Protein backbone atom coordinates (compact mmCIF):
# COMPACT_ATOMS: atom_id res chain seq x y z
CA UNK A 1 -0.20 -0.17 -0.02
CA UNK A 2 2.76 2.26 1.20
CA UNK A 3 4.72 1.71 -2.31
CA UNK A 4 1.70 2.01 -4.21
CA UNK A 5 1.43 5.59 -2.84
CA UNK A 6 5.09 6.28 -3.33
CA UNK A 7 4.73 5.44 -6.96
CA UNK A 8 1.76 7.40 -7.17
CA UNK A 9 3.67 10.14 -6.46
CA UNK A 10 6.71 9.84 -8.25
CA UNK A 11 4.63 9.01 -11.71
CA UNK A 12 2.41 12.25 -10.62
CA UNK A 13 5.62 14.23 -10.39
CA UNK A 14 7.35 12.76 -13.24
CA UNK A 15 4.07 14.10 -15.30
CA UNK A 16 4.72 17.39 -14.06
CA UNK A 17 7.85 18.05 -14.69
CA UNK A 18 7.38 16.86 -18.14
CA UNK A 19 4.52 19.17 -18.36
CA UNK A 20 7.04 21.65 -17.47
CA UNK A 21 9.44 21.35 -20.25
CA UNK A 22 6.37 21.07 -22.70
CA UNK A 23 5.42 24.35 -21.45
CA UNK A 24 9.20 25.83 -21.87
CA UNK A 25 9.17 24.29 -25.39
CA UNK A 26 6.88 26.83 -26.42
CA UNK A 27 8.86 29.86 -24.91
CA UNK A 28 10.64 30.76 -27.49
CA UNK A 29 14.65 31.75 -27.81
CA UNK A 30 16.42 33.69 -30.25
CA UNK A 31 16.30 29.84 -32.27
CA UNK A 32 13.91 28.61 -34.43
CA UNK A 33 12.48 25.36 -33.65
CA UNK A 34 9.16 23.84 -34.65
CA UNK A 35 7.71 23.10 -30.98
CA UNK A 36 7.03 26.85 -31.32
CA UNK A 37 4.33 26.75 -33.69
CA UNK A 38 2.96 23.66 -31.64
CA UNK A 39 -0.25 25.75 -30.16
CA UNK A 40 -1.29 27.23 -33.17
CA UNK A 41 -4.73 25.88 -34.42
CA UNK A 42 -5.77 26.28 -37.97
CA UNK A 43 -9.59 26.13 -39.32
CA UNK A 44 -9.50 22.77 -41.69
CA UNK A 45 -12.91 21.63 -43.24
CA UNK A 46 -14.55 23.38 -40.35
CA UNK A 47 -12.94 22.71 -37.18
CA UNK A 48 -9.73 23.63 -35.50
CA UNK A 49 -6.62 21.38 -36.07
CA UNK A 50 -3.12 21.44 -34.50
CA UNK A 51 -0.73 22.98 -37.53
CA UNK A 52 1.25 19.88 -37.21
CA UNK A 53 -1.59 17.73 -38.35
CA UNK A 54 -2.12 20.00 -41.37
CA UNK A 55 1.58 21.30 -42.39
CA UNK A 56 5.06 20.33 -42.09
CA UNK A 57 6.67 22.65 -39.91
CA UNK A 58 11.00 22.80 -40.26
CA UNK A 59 13.95 24.46 -39.28
CA UNK A 60 15.27 25.97 -42.70
CA UNK A 61 18.20 27.78 -40.71
CA UNK A 62 19.10 29.21 -37.06
CA UNK A 63 16.39 32.03 -37.55
CA UNK A 64 13.96 31.07 -40.12
CA UNK A 65 10.97 28.08 -39.77
CA UNK A 66 9.73 26.72 -43.34
CA UNK A 67 6.12 25.46 -43.10
CA UNK A 68 4.50 23.32 -46.03
CA UNK A 69 0.83 22.44 -45.65
CA UNK A 70 -0.19 19.29 -46.87
CA UNK A 71 -2.90 20.61 -49.18
CA UNK A 72 -1.24 23.28 -51.24
CA UNK A 73 -4.94 25.23 -50.97
CA UNK A 74 -4.47 25.02 -46.90
CA UNK A 75 -1.74 27.53 -47.33
CA UNK A 76 -3.41 30.71 -46.94
CA UNK A 77 -5.35 29.65 -43.95
CA UNK A 78 -2.43 28.00 -41.97
CA UNK A 79 -0.75 31.69 -42.97
CA UNK A 80 -3.65 33.66 -41.16
CA UNK A 81 -3.61 31.16 -38.09
CA UNK A 82 0.10 31.66 -37.62
CA UNK A 83 -0.21 35.80 -38.06
CA UNK A 84 -3.92 35.33 -35.36
CA UNK A 85 -2.00 33.19 -33.06
CA UNK A 86 -0.63 36.05 -30.74
CA UNK A 87 3.32 34.58 -31.25
CA UNK A 88 4.30 37.79 -33.23
CA UNK A 89 5.10 36.25 -36.64
CA UNK A 90 4.37 37.58 -39.98
CA UNK A 91 5.20 34.80 -42.58
CA UNK A 92 6.67 35.10 -46.10
CA UNK A 93 4.23 33.27 -48.32
CA UNK A 94 5.97 32.07 -51.35
CA UNK A 95 3.34 30.15 -53.44
CA UNK A 96 4.36 26.59 -52.43
CA UNK A 97 5.80 27.16 -48.35
CA UNK A 98 5.72 29.64 -45.92
CA UNK A 99 8.68 31.48 -44.33
CA UNK A 100 8.80 32.63 -40.71
CA UNK A 101 11.64 34.35 -39.64
CA UNK A 102 12.54 34.81 -36.33
CA UNK A 103 12.97 38.28 -34.79
CA UNK A 104 16.04 38.84 -32.46
CA UNK A 105 14.70 39.26 -29.15
CA UNK A 106 15.01 42.31 -27.41
CA UNK A 107 16.25 42.79 -23.83
CA UNK A 108 12.89 43.81 -22.69
CA UNK A 109 11.21 40.52 -24.32
CA UNK A 110 13.95 38.26 -22.94
CA UNK A 111 12.74 39.43 -19.39
CA UNK A 112 9.46 39.36 -20.50
CA UNK A 113 10.01 35.32 -21.44
CA UNK A 114 12.46 34.79 -18.11
CA UNK A 115 9.15 36.11 -16.46
CA UNK A 116 7.07 33.69 -18.01
CA UNK A 117 9.46 30.89 -17.63
CA UNK A 118 9.76 31.49 -13.95
CA UNK A 119 6.04 31.72 -13.95
CA UNK A 120 6.00 28.14 -15.63
CA UNK A 121 8.74 26.72 -13.40
CA UNK A 122 6.73 28.22 -9.90
CA UNK A 123 3.36 26.46 -11.08
CA UNK A 124 5.34 23.13 -11.49
CA UNK A 125 6.75 23.64 -7.72
CA UNK A 126 3.47 23.91 -6.50
CA UNK A 127 2.08 20.83 -8.79
CA UNK A 128 4.67 18.81 -6.96
CA UNK A 129 3.97 20.27 -3.57
CA UNK A 130 0.24 19.39 -4.15
CA UNK A 131 1.19 15.88 -4.84
CA UNK A 132 3.10 15.72 -1.89
CA UNK A 133 0.30 16.88 0.22
CA UNK A 134 -2.14 14.71 -1.37
CA UNK A 135 0.29 11.44 -0.84
CA UNK A 136 0.89 12.40 2.96
CA UNK A 137 -2.71 12.61 3.14
CA UNK A 138 -3.03 9.25 2.16
CA UNK A 139 -0.51 8.27 4.73
CA UNK A 140 -2.03 9.71 7.37
CA UNK A 141 -5.75 7.98 6.15
CA UNK A 142 -3.83 4.49 6.23
CA UNK A 143 -2.67 5.07 10.13
CA UNK A 144 -6.40 6.32 10.92
CA UNK A 145 -7.49 2.83 9.54
CA UNK A 146 -4.70 0.97 11.31
CA UNK A 147 -3.53 -0.24 7.87
CA UNK A 148 -0.02 0.79 8.84
CA UNK A 149 1.92 1.91 12.00
CA UNK A 150 3.09 5.53 12.85
CA UNK A 151 6.61 4.43 11.92
CA UNK A 152 5.79 3.52 8.45
CA UNK A 153 4.21 6.76 7.83
CA UNK A 154 7.07 8.44 9.26
CA UNK A 155 9.84 6.82 6.97
CA UNK A 156 6.98 7.16 3.81
CA UNK A 157 6.76 10.35 4.49
CA UNK A 158 10.56 11.06 4.45
CA UNK A 159 10.37 9.06 1.07
CA UNK A 160 7.96 11.29 -0.40
CA UNK A 161 9.48 14.28 0.96
CA UNK A 162 12.90 13.22 -0.70
CA UNK A 163 10.78 12.52 -3.89
CA UNK A 164 9.41 16.06 -3.82
CA UNK A 165 13.27 17.84 -3.14
CA UNK A 166 14.24 15.60 -6.25
CA UNK A 167 11.96 17.28 -8.49
CA UNK A 168 12.03 20.39 -7.13
CA UNK A 169 15.72 20.28 -7.64
CA UNK A 170 14.87 19.00 -11.53
CA UNK A 171 12.47 21.78 -12.23
CA UNK A 172 15.44 24.04 -10.67
CA UNK A 173 17.85 22.73 -13.16
CA UNK A 174 15.53 23.26 -16.15
CA UNK A 175 14.29 26.70 -15.42
CA UNK A 176 18.24 28.14 -14.90
CA UNK A 177 18.88 26.44 -18.32
CA UNK A 178 15.67 28.17 -19.86
CA UNK A 179 16.93 31.04 -18.70
CA UNK A 180 20.37 30.88 -19.96
CA UNK A 181 18.99 29.80 -23.40
CA UNK A 182 16.88 32.87 -23.03
CA UNK A 183 19.76 35.15 -22.24
CA UNK A 184 22.17 33.68 -24.80
CA UNK A 185 22.63 36.40 -27.51
């Protein structure tokens, strides 16, 4: 029972970390990366569809993305979706493909993206702490139901705290890496 609670907590904490890393991939740095367009939705035959399901996004060079629609008649819709996505990109339509130049980040935008990364990291830390709270609550319930002893609960709580510390440290490493990427010129 205790191992199930610890394993569940570890799995959920790992998912929180993966979610944070996914959120970091959407914060753009000065480099072109296809995941920047990951949240763009394109109207496709009456329903909004993720961009990667209607077009191929590749890196042409370090500051340029190339978007090739699977269906040529969809290029205008893809262009419009990217422009209206709020990412600040203005694609160049070359008839068969779109080129998206990544503007150089100003100091102000770098600081804004760094703040966004820190906020996402704090959300990740809060999620990990909430998982810890849930696990400790489950352990206390087991003690109340006399399924485990208080000593077993204390040892398990220490293990859950070690897990929490490990994942918070991993979040710290991830946010420091993202900040370094953002501040690199």
